[in-house]
PDB file of N, CA and C in Angstrom:
ATOM      1  N   MET A   1      28.952 -31.457 -52.881  1.00  0.00           N
ATOM      2  CA  MET A   1      28.108 -31.865 -51.782  1.00  0.00           C
ATOM      3  C   MET A   1      28.985 -31.983 -50.527  1.00  0.00           C
ATOM      4  N   LYS A   2      28.563 -31.325 -49.471  1.00  0.00           N
ATOM      5  CA  LYS A   2      29.289 -31.392 -48.206  1.00  0.00           C
ATOM      6  C   LYS A   2      28.890 -32.623 -47.420  1.00  0.00           C
ATOM      7  N   LYS A   3      29.846 -33.143 -46.667  1.00  0.00           N
ATOM      8  CA  LYS A   3      29.574 -34.240 -45.742  1.00  0.00           C
ATOM      9  C   LYS A   3      29.383 -33.626 -44.359  1.00  0.00           C
ATOM     10  N   ILE A   4      28.165 -33.702 -43.859  1.00  0.00           N
ATOM     11  CA  ILE A   4      27.819 -33.132 -42.565  1.00  0.00           C
ATOM     12  C   ILE A   4      27.571 -34.264 -41.583  1.00  0.00           C
ATOM     13  N   THR A   5      28.230 -34.190 -40.437  1.00  0.00           N
ATOM     14  CA  THR A   5      28.021 -35.162 -39.378  1.00  0.00           C
ATOM     15  C   THR A   5      27.410 -34.447 -38.189  1.00  0.00           C
ATOM     16  N   ILE A   6      26.337 -35.020 -37.678  1.00  0.00           N
ATOM     17  CA  ILE A   6      25.645 -34.457 -36.527  1.00  0.00           C
ATOM     18  C   ILE A   6      25.771 -35.447 -35.381  1.00  0.00           C
ATOM     19  N   ILE A   7      26.310 -34.961 -34.265  1.00  0.00           N
ATOM     20  CA  ILE A   7      26.509 -35.794 -33.087  1.00  0.00           C
ATOM     21  C   ILE A   7      25.443 -35.452 -32.055  1.00  0.00           C
ATOM     22  N   PHE A   8      24.738 -36.466 -31.616  1.00  0.00           N
ATOM     23  CA  PHE A   8      23.748 -36.318 -30.548  1.00  0.00           C
ATOM     24  C   PHE A   8      24.413 -36.774 -29.254  1.00  0.00           C
ATOM     25  N   ARG A   9      24.672 -35.831 -28.340  1.00  0.00           N
ATOM     26  CA  ARG A   9      25.375 -36.132 -27.085  1.00  0.00           C
ATOM     27  C   ARG A   9      24.500 -35.969 -25.858  1.00  0.00           C
ATOM     28  N   HIS A  10      23.305 -35.423 -26.021  1.00  0.00           N
ATOM     29  CA  HIS A  10      22.460 -35.115 -24.869  1.00  0.00           C
ATOM     30  C   HIS A  10      21.181 -35.945 -24.870  1.00  0.00           C
ATOM     31  N   ALA A  11      20.634 -36.111 -23.676  1.00  0.00           N
ATOM     32  CA  ALA A  11      19.375 -36.841 -23.519  1.00  0.00           C
ATOM     33  C   ALA A  11      18.284 -36.148 -24.337  1.00  0.00           C
ATOM     34  N   PRO A  12      17.275 -36.886 -24.761  1.00  0.00           N
ATOM     35  CA  PRO A  12      16.271 -36.335 -25.675  1.00  0.00           C
ATOM     36  C   PRO A  12      15.345 -35.291 -25.078  1.00  0.00           C
ATOM     37  N   HIS A  13      15.130 -35.314 -23.791  1.00  0.00           N
ATOM     38  CA  HIS A  13      14.151 -34.404 -23.205  1.00  0.00           C
ATOM     39  C   HIS A  13      14.800 -33.595 -22.097  1.00  0.00           C
ATOM     40  N   GLY A  14      14.274 -32.438 -21.842  1.00  0.00           N
ATOM     41  CA  GLY A  14      14.853 -31.553 -20.847  1.00  0.00           C
ATOM     42  C   GLY A  14      15.524 -30.354 -21.480  1.00  0.00           C
ATOM     43  N   SER A  15      15.813 -30.455 -22.767  1.00  0.00           N
ATOM     44  CA  SER A  15      16.324 -29.327 -23.545  1.00  0.00           C
ATOM     45  C   SER A  15      15.899 -29.542 -24.998  1.00  0.00           C
ATOM     46  N   ALA A  16      16.088 -28.538 -25.795  1.00  0.00           N
ATOM     47  CA  ALA A  16      15.679 -28.610 -27.201  1.00  0.00           C
ATOM     48  C   ALA A  16      16.787 -29.137 -28.105  1.00  0.00           C
ATOM     49  N   LYS A  17      17.915 -29.535 -27.548  1.00  0.00           N
ATOM     50  CA  LYS A  17      19.068 -29.925 -28.366  1.00  0.00           C
ATOM     51  C   LYS A  17      18.770 -31.084 -29.314  1.00  0.00           C
ATOM     52  N   GLY A  18      18.105 -32.106 -28.824  1.00  0.00           N
ATOM     53  CA  GLY A  18      17.807 -33.255 -29.680  1.00  0.00           C
ATOM     54  C   GLY A  18      16.908 -32.883 -30.839  1.00  0.00           C
ATOM     55  N   ARG A  19      15.861 -32.120 -30.552  1.00  0.00           N
ATOM     56  CA  ARG A  19      14.935 -31.700 -31.611  1.00  0.00           C
ATOM     57  C   ARG A  19      15.644 -30.808 -32.617  1.00  0.00           C
ATOM     58  N   GLU A  20      16.478 -29.896 -32.130  1.00  0.00           N
ATOM     59  CA  GLU A  20      17.221 -29.004 -33.024  1.00  0.00           C
ATOM     60  C   GLU A  20      18.185 -29.784 -33.907  1.00  0.00           C
ATOM     61  N   GLY A  21      18.832 -30.790 -33.335  1.00  0.00           N
ATOM     62  CA  GLY A  21      19.742 -31.618 -34.121  1.00  0.00           C
ATOM     63  C   GLY A  21      19.020 -32.384 -35.210  1.00  0.00           C
ATOM     64  N   LEU A  22      17.872 -32.938 -34.862  1.00  0.00           N
ATOM     65  CA  LEU A  22      17.077 -33.669 -35.851  1.00  0.00           C
ATOM     66  C   LEU A  22      16.563 -32.733 -36.940  1.00  0.00           C
ATOM     67  N   ASP A  23      16.064 -31.569 -36.548  1.00  0.00           N
ATOM     68  CA  ASP A  23      15.599 -30.590 -37.541  1.00  0.00           C
ATOM     69  C   ASP A  23      16.723 -30.183 -38.486  1.00  0.00           C
ATOM     70  N   PHE A  24      17.908 -29.962 -37.916  1.00  0.00           N
ATOM     71  CA  PHE A  24      19.051 -29.567 -38.737  1.00  0.00           C
ATOM     72  C   PHE A  24      19.433 -30.687 -39.709  1.00  0.00           C
ATOM     73  N   ALA A  25      19.384 -31.924 -39.235  1.00  0.00           N
ATOM     74  CA  ALA A  25      19.714 -33.059 -40.100  1.00  0.00           C
ATOM     75  C   ALA A  25      18.752 -33.150 -41.279  1.00  0.00           C
ATOM     76  N   LEU A  26      17.455 -33.045 -41.000  1.00  0.00           N
ATOM     77  CA  LEU A  26      16.462 -33.148 -42.069  1.00  0.00           C
ATOM     78  C   LEU A  26      16.559 -31.978 -43.031  1.00  0.00           C
ATOM     79  N   LEU A  27      16.793 -30.788 -42.506  1.00  0.00           N
ATOM     80  CA  LEU A  27      16.938 -29.608 -43.359  1.00  0.00           C
ATOM     81  C   LEU A  27      18.172 -29.727 -44.252  1.00  0.00           C
ATOM     82  N   SER A  28      19.281 -30.143 -43.672  1.00  0.00           N
ATOM     83  CA  SER A  28      20.508 -30.296 -44.455  1.00  0.00           C
ATOM     84  C   SER A  28      20.337 -31.334 -45.557  1.00  0.00           C
ATOM     85  N   ALA A  29      19.701 -32.445 -45.221  1.00  0.00           N
ATOM     86  CA  ALA A  29      19.482 -33.493 -46.217  1.00  0.00           C
ATOM     87  C   ALA A  29      18.551 -33.019 -47.322  1.00  0.00           C
ATOM     88  N   SER A  30      17.584 -32.164 -46.984  1.00  0.00           N
ATOM     89  CA  SER A  30      16.667 -31.672 -48.014  1.00  0.00           C
ATOM     90  C   SER A  30      17.376 -30.749 -49.002  1.00  0.00           C
ATOM     91  N   PHE A  31      18.540 -30.218 -48.601  1.00  0.00           N
ATOM     92  CA  PHE A  31      19.356 -29.417 -49.513  1.00  0.00           C
ATOM     93  C   PHE A  31      20.468 -30.257 -50.126  1.00  0.00           C
ATOM     94  N   GLU A  32      20.244 -31.555 -50.168  1.00  0.00           N
ATOM     95  CA  GLU A  32      21.106 -32.527 -50.828  1.00  0.00           C
ATOM     96  C   GLU A  32      22.520 -32.576 -50.272  1.00  0.00           C
ATOM     97  N   GLN A  33      22.649 -32.392 -48.965  1.00  0.00           N
ATOM     98  CA  GLN A  33      23.930 -32.582 -48.297  1.00  0.00           C
ATOM     99  C   GLN A  33      23.999 -34.035 -47.838  1.00  0.00           C
ATOM    100  N   GLU A  34      25.189 -34.578 -47.764  1.00  0.00           N
ATOM    101  CA  GLU A  34      25.372 -35.938 -47.262  1.00  0.00           C
ATOM    102  C   GLU A  34      25.437 -35.865 -45.739  1.00  0.00           C
ATOM    103  N   VAL A  35      24.408 -36.392 -45.070  1.00  0.00           N
ATOM    104  CA  VAL A  35      24.272 -36.249 -43.623  1.00  0.00           C
ATOM    105  C   VAL A  35      24.474 -37.595 -42.939  1.00  0.00           C
ATOM    106  N   SER A  36      25.291 -37.567 -41.876  1.00  0.00           N
ATOM    107  CA  SER A  36      25.490 -38.730 -41.016  1.00  0.00           C
ATOM    108  C   SER A  36      25.108 -38.332 -39.600  1.00  0.00           C
ATOM    109  N   LEU A  37      24.554 -39.276 -38.860  1.00  0.00           N
ATOM    110  CA  LEU A  37      24.194 -39.048 -37.461  1.00  0.00           C
ATOM    111  C   LEU A  37      24.983 -40.006 -36.589  1.00  0.00           C
ATOM    112  N   ILE A  38      25.465 -39.487 -35.455  1.00  0.00           N
ATOM    113  CA  ILE A  38      26.190 -40.318 -34.495  1.00  0.00           C
ATOM    114  C   ILE A  38      25.604 -40.057 -33.113  1.00  0.00           C
ATOM    115  N   PHE A  39      25.240 -41.117 -32.414  1.00  0.00           N
ATOM    116  CA  PHE A  39      24.686 -41.025 -31.068  1.00  0.00           C
ATOM    117  C   PHE A  39      25.743 -41.494 -30.072  1.00  0.00           C
ATOM    118  N   VAL A  40      26.129 -40.594 -29.159  1.00  0.00           N
ATOM    119  CA  VAL A  40      27.138 -40.909 -28.151  1.00  0.00           C
ATOM    120  C   VAL A  40      26.678 -40.393 -26.793  1.00  0.00           C
ATOM    121  N   ASP A  41      27.347 -40.837 -25.744  1.00  0.00           N
ATOM    122  CA  ASP A  41      27.059 -40.407 -24.377  1.00  0.00           C
ATOM    123  C   ASP A  41      25.557 -40.511 -24.104  1.00  0.00           C
ATOM    124  N   GLU A  42      24.962 -39.498 -23.481  1.00  0.00           N
ATOM    125  CA  GLU A  42      23.517 -39.515 -23.192  1.00  0.00           C
ATOM    126  C   GLU A  42      22.678 -39.526 -24.466  1.00  0.00           C
ATOM    127  N   GLY A  43      23.285 -39.170 -25.579  1.00  0.00           N
ATOM    128  CA  GLY A  43      22.562 -39.138 -26.850  1.00  0.00           C
ATOM    129  C   GLY A  43      21.974 -40.476 -27.250  1.00  0.00           C
ATOM    130  N   VAL A  44      22.545 -41.570 -26.750  1.00  0.00           N
ATOM    131  CA  VAL A  44      21.992 -42.890 -27.092  1.00  0.00           C
ATOM    132  C   VAL A  44      20.590 -43.064 -26.522  1.00  0.00           C
ATOM    133  N   LEU A  45      20.222 -42.242 -25.553  1.00  0.00           N
ATOM    134  CA  LEU A  45      18.869 -42.331 -24.989  1.00  0.00           C
ATOM    135  C   LEU A  45      17.803 -41.895 -25.997  1.00  0.00           C
ATOM    136  N   ASN A  46      18.211 -41.183 -27.042  1.00  0.00           N
ATOM    137  CA  ASN A  46      17.292 -40.835 -28.128  1.00  0.00           C
ATOM    138  C   ASN A  46      16.830 -42.080 -28.881  1.00  0.00           C
ATOM    139  N   LEU A  47      17.539 -43.163 -28.719  1.00  0.00           N
ATOM    140  CA  LEU A  47      17.268 -44.388 -29.477  1.00  0.00           C
ATOM    141  C   LEU A  47      16.285 -45.332 -28.798  1.00  0.00           C
ATOM    142  N   LEU A  48      15.845 -44.980 -27.599  1.00  0.00           N
ATOM    143  CA  LEU A  48      14.922 -45.851 -26.876  1.00  0.00           C
ATOM    144  C   LEU A  48      13.506 -45.725 -27.423  1.00  0.00           C
ATOM    145  N   PRO A  49      12.842 -46.844 -27.660  1.00  0.00           N
ATOM    146  CA  PRO A  49      11.450 -46.790 -28.124  1.00  0.00           C
ATOM    147  C   PRO A  49      10.485 -46.538 -26.964  1.00  0.00           C
ATOM    148  N   LEU A  50       9.275 -46.219 -27.307  1.00  0.00           N
ATOM    149  CA  LEU A  50       8.160 -46.112 -26.349  1.00  0.00           C
ATOM    150  C   LEU A  50       8.397 -45.098 -25.227  1.00  0.00           C
ATOM    151  N   GLN A  51       9.000 -43.967 -25.569  1.00  0.00           N
ATOM    152  CA  GLN A  51       9.163 -42.911 -24.578  1.00  0.00           C
ATOM    153  C   GLN A  51       7.870 -42.109 -24.487  1.00  0.00           C
ATOM    154  N   THR A  52       7.605 -41.531 -23.330  1.00  0.00           N
ATOM    155  CA  THR A  52       6.395 -40.744 -23.116  1.00  0.00           C
ATOM    156  C   THR A  52       6.768 -39.342 -22.613  1.00  0.00           C
ATOM    157  N   PRO A  53       7.317 -38.500 -23.466  1.00  0.00           N
ATOM    158  CA  PRO A  53       7.757 -37.173 -23.046  1.00  0.00           C
ATOM    159  C   PRO A  53       6.614 -36.242 -22.659  1.00  0.00           C
ATOM    160  N   GLU A  54       5.408 -36.543 -23.112  1.00  0.00           N
ATOM    161  CA  GLU A  54       4.271 -35.692 -22.769  1.00  0.00           C
ATOM    162  C   GLU A  54       3.998 -35.679 -21.265  1.00  0.00           C
ATOM    163  N   VAL A  55       4.464 -36.699 -20.566  1.00  0.00           N
ATOM    164  CA  VAL A  55       4.301 -36.759 -19.115  1.00  0.00           C
ATOM    165  C   VAL A  55       5.024 -35.583 -18.444  1.00  0.00           C
ATOM    166  N   ILE A  56       6.129 -35.145 -19.018  1.00  0.00           N
ATOM    167  CA  ILE A  56       6.871 -34.013 -18.464  1.00  0.00           C
ATOM    168  C   ILE A  56       6.614 -32.728 -19.249  1.00  0.00           C
ATOM    169  N   GLY A  57       5.610 -32.760 -20.112  1.00  0.00           N
ATOM    170  CA  GLY A  57       5.245 -31.574 -20.873  1.00  0.00           C
ATOM    171  C   GLY A  57       6.094 -31.326 -22.104  1.00  0.00           C
ATOM    172  N   ALA A  58       6.803 -32.332 -22.572  1.00  0.00           N
ATOM    173  CA  ALA A  58       7.641 -32.197 -23.771  1.00  0.00           C
ATOM    174  C   ALA A  58       6.949 -32.839 -24.964  1.00  0.00           C
ATOM    175  N   LYS A  59       7.351 -32.405 -26.152  1.00  0.00           N
ATOM    176  CA  LYS A  59       6.813 -32.995 -27.377  1.00  0.00           C
ATOM    177  C   LYS A  59       7.605 -34.238 -27.749  1.00  0.00           C
ATOM    178  N   ASP A  60       6.909 -35.186 -28.349  1.00  0.00           N
ATOM    179  CA  ASP A  60       7.554 -36.412 -28.807  1.00  0.00           C
ATOM    180  C   ASP A  60       8.065 -36.211 -30.224  1.00  0.00           C
ATOM    181  N   PHE A  61       9.349 -35.891 -30.341  1.00  0.00           N
ATOM    182  CA  PHE A  61       9.949 -35.707 -31.658  1.00  0.00           C
ATOM    183  C   PHE A  61      10.681 -36.960 -32.116  1.00  0.00           C
ATOM    184  N   LEU A  62      10.836 -37.927 -31.238  1.00  0.00           N
ATOM    185  CA  LEU A  62      11.645 -39.101 -31.550  1.00  0.00           C
ATOM    186  C   LEU A  62      11.075 -39.939 -32.683  1.00  0.00           C
ATOM    187  N   ALA A  63       9.767 -39.908 -32.865  1.00  0.00           N
ATOM    188  CA  ALA A  63       9.166 -40.663 -33.970  1.00  0.00           C
ATOM    189  C   ALA A  63       9.664 -40.155 -35.325  1.00  0.00           C
ATOM    190  N   ALA A  64      10.077 -38.893 -35.370  1.00  0.00           N
ATOM    191  CA  ALA A  64      10.569 -38.322 -36.629  1.00  0.00           C
ATOM    192  C   ALA A  64      11.881 -38.964 -37.082  1.00  0.00           C
ATOM    193  N   PHE A  65      12.605 -39.624 -36.185  1.00  0.00           N
ATOM    194  CA  PHE A  65      13.825 -40.320 -36.599  1.00  0.00           C
ATOM    195  C   PHE A  65      13.508 -41.423 -37.608  1.00  0.00           C
ATOM    196  N   LYS A  66      12.285 -41.935 -37.578  1.00  0.00           N
ATOM    197  CA  LYS A  66      11.907 -42.976 -38.534  1.00  0.00           C
ATOM    198  C   LYS A  66      11.801 -42.431 -39.960  1.00  0.00           C
ATOM    199  N   ALA A  67      11.780 -41.103 -40.101  1.00  0.00           N
ATOM    200  CA  ALA A  67      11.707 -40.482 -41.419  1.00  0.00           C
ATOM    201  C   ALA A  67      13.076 -40.332 -42.071  1.00  0.00           C
ATOM    202  N   LEU A  68      14.134 -40.691 -41.391  1.00  0.00           N
ATOM    203  CA  LEU A  68      15.482 -40.508 -41.944  1.00  0.00           C
ATOM    204  C   LEU A  68      15.644 -41.115 -43.342  1.00  0.00           C
ATOM    205  N   PRO A  69      15.155 -42.329 -43.598  1.00  0.00           N
ATOM    206  CA  PRO A  69      15.311 -42.886 -44.949  1.00  0.00           C
ATOM    207  C   PRO A  69      14.612 -42.047 -46.032  1.00  0.00           C
ATOM    208  N   LEU A  70      13.534 -41.380 -45.683  1.00  0.00           N
ATOM    209  CA  LEU A  70      12.832 -40.533 -46.654  1.00  0.00           C
ATOM    210  C   LEU A  70      13.694 -39.350 -47.090  1.00  0.00           C
ATOM    211  N   TYR A  71      14.631 -38.961 -46.245  1.00  0.00           N
ATOM    212  CA  TYR A  71      15.546 -37.855 -46.534  1.00  0.00           C
ATOM    213  C   TYR A  71      16.906 -38.359 -47.006  1.00  0.00           C
ATOM    214  N   ASP A  72      16.987 -39.627 -47.312  1.00  0.00           N
ATOM    215  CA  ASP A  72      18.228 -40.275 -47.750  1.00  0.00           C
ATOM    216  C   ASP A  72      19.347 -40.171 -46.721  1.00  0.00           C
ATOM    217  N   ILE A  73      18.989 -40.164 -45.442  1.00  0.00           N
ATOM    218  CA  ILE A  73      19.981 -40.208 -44.371  1.00  0.00           C
ATOM    219  C   ILE A  73      20.137 -41.667 -43.984  1.00  0.00           C
ATOM    220  N   GLU A  74      21.195 -42.274 -44.480  1.00  0.00           N
ATOM    221  CA  GLU A  74      21.391 -43.704 -44.305  1.00  0.00           C
ATOM    222  C   GLU A  74      22.545 -44.028 -43.363  1.00  0.00           C
ATOM    223  N   CYS A  75      23.404 -43.059 -43.098  1.00  0.00           N
ATOM    224  CA  CYS A  75      24.565 -43.281 -42.237  1.00  0.00           C
ATOM    225  C   CYS A  75      24.220 -42.852 -40.814  1.00  0.00           C
ATOM    226  N   VAL A  76      23.760 -43.816 -40.040  1.00  0.00           N
ATOM    227  CA  VAL A  76      23.347 -43.558 -38.659  1.00  0.00           C
ATOM    228  C   VAL A  76      24.096 -44.546 -37.769  1.00  0.00           C
ATOM    229  N   TYR A  77      24.789 -43.993 -36.757  1.00  0.00           N
ATOM    230  CA  TYR A  77      25.666 -44.807 -35.920  1.00  0.00           C
ATOM    231  C   TYR A  77      25.414 -44.537 -34.447  1.00  0.00           C
ATOM    232  N   ALA A  78      25.736 -45.528 -33.621  1.00  0.00           N
ATOM    233  CA  ALA A  78      25.718 -45.370 -32.169  1.00  0.00           C
ATOM    234  C   ALA A  78      27.043 -45.883 -31.628  1.00  0.00           C
ATOM    235  N   CYS A  79      27.483 -45.275 -30.560  1.00  0.00           N
ATOM    236  CA  CYS A  79      28.733 -45.663 -29.913  1.00  0.00           C
ATOM    237  C   CYS A  79      28.513 -46.914 -29.068  1.00  0.00           C
ATOM    238  N   ARG A  80      29.297 -47.929 -29.332  1.00  0.00           N
ATOM    239  CA  ARG A  80      29.203 -49.193 -28.594  1.00  0.00           C
ATOM    240  C   ARG A  80      29.427 -48.965 -27.097  1.00  0.00           C
ATOM    241  N   GLN A  81      30.411 -48.146 -26.753  1.00  0.00           N
ATOM    242  CA  GLN A  81      30.718 -47.901 -25.344  1.00  0.00           C
ATOM    243  C   GLN A  81      29.571 -47.167 -24.653  1.00  0.00           C
ATOM    244  N   SER A  82      28.958 -46.193 -25.331  1.00  0.00           N
ATOM    245  CA  SER A  82      27.840 -45.453 -24.741  1.00  0.00           C
ATOM    246  C   SER A  82      26.636 -46.353 -24.519  1.00  0.00           C
ATOM    247  N   LEU A  83      26.373 -47.233 -25.470  1.00  0.00           N
ATOM    248  CA  LEU A  83      25.280 -48.191 -25.291  1.00  0.00           C
ATOM    249  C   LEU A  83      25.550 -49.085 -24.082  1.00  0.00           C
ATOM    250  N   ALA A  84      26.782 -49.528 -23.936  1.00  0.00           N
ATOM    251  CA  ALA A  84      27.139 -50.371 -22.799  1.00  0.00           C
ATOM    252  C   ALA A  84      27.026 -49.589 -21.493  1.00  0.00           C
ATOM    253  N   ASP A  85      27.440 -48.328 -21.496  1.00  0.00           N
ATOM    254  CA  ASP A  85      27.363 -47.501 -20.287  1.00  0.00           C
ATOM    255  C   ASP A  85      25.929 -47.378 -19.780  1.00  0.00           C
ATOM    256  N   TYR A  86      24.977 -47.324 -20.705  1.00  0.00           N
ATOM    257  CA  TYR A  86      23.560 -47.205 -20.336  1.00  0.00           C
ATOM    258  C   TYR A  86      22.838 -48.547 -20.374  1.00  0.00           C
ATOM    259  N   GLN A  87      23.600 -49.619 -20.533  1.00  0.00           N
ATOM    260  CA  GLN A  87      23.066 -50.984 -20.559  1.00  0.00           C
ATOM    261  C   GLN A  87      21.937 -51.141 -21.575  1.00  0.00           C
ATOM    262  N   LEU A  88      22.160 -50.600 -22.763  1.00  0.00           N
ATOM    263  CA  LEU A  88      21.161 -50.682 -23.828  1.00  0.00           C
ATOM    264  C   LEU A  88      21.526 -51.799 -24.790  1.00  0.00           C
ATOM    265  N   ASP A  89      20.545 -52.576 -25.161  1.00  0.00           N
ATOM    266  CA  ASP A  89      20.721 -53.674 -26.103  1.00  0.00           C
ATOM    267  C   ASP A  89      20.480 -53.157 -27.512  1.00  0.00           C
ATOM    268  N   GLU A  90      21.411 -53.430 -28.374  1.00  0.00           N
ATOM    269  CA  GLU A  90      21.325 -52.993 -29.773  1.00  0.00           C
ATOM    270  C   GLU A  90      20.024 -53.431 -30.439  1.00  0.00           C
ATOM    271  N   LEU A  91      19.515 -54.591 -30.085  1.00  0.00           N
ATOM    272  CA  LEU A  91      18.306 -55.118 -30.698  1.00  0.00           C
ATOM    273  C   LEU A  91      17.033 -54.444 -30.189  1.00  0.00           C
ATOM    274  N   ALA A  92      17.130 -53.699 -29.096  1.00  0.00           N
ATOM    275  CA  ALA A  92      15.949 -53.068 -28.502  1.00  0.00           C
ATOM    276  C   ALA A  92      15.828 -51.591 -28.871  1.00  0.00           C
ATOM    277  N   LEU A  93      16.646 -51.116 -29.786  1.00  0.00           N
ATOM    278  CA  LEU A  93      16.615 -49.701 -30.156  1.00  0.00           C
ATOM    279  C   LEU A  93      15.446 -49.412 -31.084  1.00  0.00           C
ATOM    280  N   ALA A  94      15.053 -48.144 -31.162  1.00  0.00           N
ATOM    281  CA  ALA A  94      13.847 -47.736 -31.891  1.00  0.00           C
ATOM    282  C   ALA A  94      13.959 -47.908 -33.407  1.00  0.00           C
ATOM    283  N   PHE A  95      15.161 -47.838 -33.941  1.00  0.00           N
ATOM    284  CA  PHE A  95      15.335 -48.017 -35.378  1.00  0.00           C
ATOM    285  C   PHE A  95      16.726 -48.595 -35.635  1.00  0.00           C
ATOM    286  N   PRO A  96      16.916 -49.233 -36.779  1.00  0.00           N
ATOM    287  CA  PRO A  96      18.201 -49.882 -37.057  1.00  0.00           C
ATOM    288  C   PRO A  96      19.302 -48.861 -37.344  1.00  0.00           C
ATOM    289  N   LEU A  97      20.494 -49.183 -36.873  1.00  0.00           N
ATOM    290  CA  LEU A  97      21.664 -48.355 -37.121  1.00  0.00           C
ATOM    291  C   LEU A  97      22.907 -49.205 -36.954  1.00  0.00           C
ATOM    292  N   GLU A  98      24.058 -48.633 -37.264  1.00  0.00           N
ATOM    293  CA  GLU A  98      25.318 -49.354 -37.120  1.00  0.00           C
ATOM    294  C   GLU A  98      25.966 -48.986 -35.789  1.00  0.00           C
ATOM    295  N   ILE A  99      26.559 -49.983 -35.143  1.00  0.00           N
ATOM    296  CA  ILE A  99      27.252 -49.773 -33.888  1.00  0.00           C
ATOM    297  C   ILE A  99      28.742 -49.641 -34.196  1.00  0.00           C
ATOM    298  N   LYS A 100      29.360 -48.590 -33.643  1.00  0.00           N
ATOM    299  CA  LYS A 100      30.779 -48.324 -33.892  1.00  0.00           C
ATOM    300  C   LYS A 100      31.530 -48.161 -32.574  1.00  0.00           C
ATOM    301  N   THR A 101      32.790 -48.518 -32.584  1.00  0.00           N
ATOM    302  CA  THR A 101      33.649 -48.274 -31.428  1.00  0.00           C
ATOM    303  C   THR A 101      34.026 -46.793 -31.414  1.00  0.00           C
ATOM    304  N   PRO A 102      34.501 -46.296 -30.275  1.00  0.00           N
ATOM    305  CA  PRO A 102      34.959 -44.897 -30.249  1.00  0.00           C
ATOM    306  C   PRO A 102      36.039 -44.599 -31.299  1.00  0.00           C
ATOM    307  N   ALA A 103      36.936 -45.539 -31.536  1.00  0.00           N
ATOM    308  CA  ALA A 103      37.978 -45.332 -32.550  1.00  0.00           C
ATOM    309  C   ALA A 103      37.368 -45.217 -33.951  1.00  0.00           C
ATOM    310  N   GLU A 104      36.385 -46.057 -34.237  1.00  0.00           N
ATOM    311  CA  GLU A 104      35.717 -46.000 -35.544  1.00  0.00           C
ATOM    312  C   GLU A 104      34.947 -44.686 -35.706  1.00  0.00           C
ATOM    313  N   ILE A 105      34.361 -44.204 -34.625  1.00  0.00           N
ATOM    314  CA  ILE A 105      33.657 -42.918 -34.674  1.00  0.00           C
ATOM    315  C   ILE A 105      34.651 -41.797 -34.942  1.00  0.00           C
ATOM    316  N   GLY A 106      35.806 -41.878 -34.313  1.00  0.00           N
ATOM    317  CA  GLY A 106      36.856 -40.890 -34.579  1.00  0.00           C
ATOM    318  C   GLY A 106      37.241 -40.860 -36.039  1.00  0.00           C
ATOM    319  N   GLU A 107      37.330 -42.017 -36.651  1.00  0.00           N
ATOM    320  CA  GLU A 107      37.648 -42.090 -38.086  1.00  0.00           C
ATOM    321  C   GLU A 107      36.538 -41.466 -38.927  1.00  0.00           C
ATOM    322  N   LEU A 108      35.277 -41.723 -38.556  1.00  0.00           N
ATOM    323  CA  LEU A 108      34.152 -41.119 -39.283  1.00  0.00           C
ATOM    324  C   LEU A 108      34.218 -39.597 -39.218  1.00  0.00           C
ATOM    325  N   LEU A 109      34.605 -39.070 -38.067  1.00  0.00           N
ATOM    326  CA  LEU A 109      34.669 -37.618 -37.901  1.00  0.00           C
ATOM    327  C   LEU A 109      35.742 -36.987 -38.783  1.00  0.00           C
ATOM    328  N   THR A 110      36.823 -37.717 -39.041  1.00  0.00           N
ATOM    329  CA  THR A 110      37.877 -37.169 -39.904  1.00  0.00           C
ATOM    330  C   THR A 110      37.417 -37.064 -41.358  1.00  0.00           C
ATOM    331  N   GLN A 111      36.383 -37.810 -41.718  1.00  0.00           N
ATOM    332  CA  GLN A 111      35.879 -37.801 -43.093  1.00  0.00           C
ATOM    333  C   GLN A 111      34.837 -36.711 -43.331  1.00  0.00           C
ATOM    334  N   ALA A 112      34.375 -36.071 -42.272  1.00  0.00           N
ATOM    335  CA  ALA A 112      33.310 -35.057 -42.392  1.00  0.00           C
ATOM    336  C   ALA A 112      33.902 -33.702 -42.759  1.00  0.00           C
ATOM    337  N   ASP A 113      33.128 -32.945 -43.551  1.00  0.00           N
ATOM    338  CA  ASP A 113      33.504 -31.561 -43.852  1.00  0.00           C
ATOM    339  C   ASP A 113      33.088 -30.644 -42.692  1.00  0.00           C
ATOM    340  N   GLU A 114      31.952 -30.931 -42.091  1.00  0.00           N
ATOM    341  CA  GLU A 114      31.426 -30.136 -40.973  1.00  0.00           C
ATOM    342  C   GLU A 114      30.895 -31.087 -39.918  1.00  0.00           C
ATOM    343  N   VAL A 115      31.137 -30.763 -38.641  1.00  0.00           N
ATOM    344  CA  VAL A 115      30.624 -31.551 -37.526  1.00  0.00           C
ATOM    345  C   VAL A 115      29.846 -30.622 -36.604  1.00  0.00           C
ATOM    346  N   PHE A 116      28.641 -31.023 -36.262  1.00  0.00           N
ATOM    347  CA  PHE A 116      27.783 -30.244 -35.365  1.00  0.00           C
ATOM    348  C   PHE A 116      27.409 -31.132 -34.192  1.00  0.00           C
ATOM    349  N   VAL A 117      27.445 -30.581 -32.995  1.00  0.00           N
ATOM    350  CA  VAL A 117      27.157 -31.350 -31.793  1.00  0.00           C
ATOM    351  C   VAL A 117      25.893 -30.796 -31.136  1.00  0.00           C
ATOM    352  N   TYR A 118      24.959 -31.692 -30.866  1.00  0.00           N
ATOM    353  CA  TYR A 118      23.716 -31.317 -30.182  1.00  0.00           C
ATOM    354  C   TYR A 118      23.571 -32.157 -28.939  1.00  0.00           C
TER     355      TYR A 118
END
């Protein structure tokens, strides 16, 4: 079983990167790969609840993040520094995850067999 880490670095709307990353995560997990997700930089904006992407003509794919446990994706992390940069409160995020420092995220990346950035 491969350890796949997917990094979300971009804002959720305005490009298809977030949706593609989520689709890839769910697909990989369905093939029994060990999948971890890490939200950094603008990617932490994927964690905000109550977004209304339909206002700009985009689809709301963020609700699908709540399906992660159904795919046995349990290793989900956010960068503490990125959350602070965007003044986001850990308790106000759309779903529970672990907060890691940049150094801890670096350590997680060394444990992955494959790393994909979206």
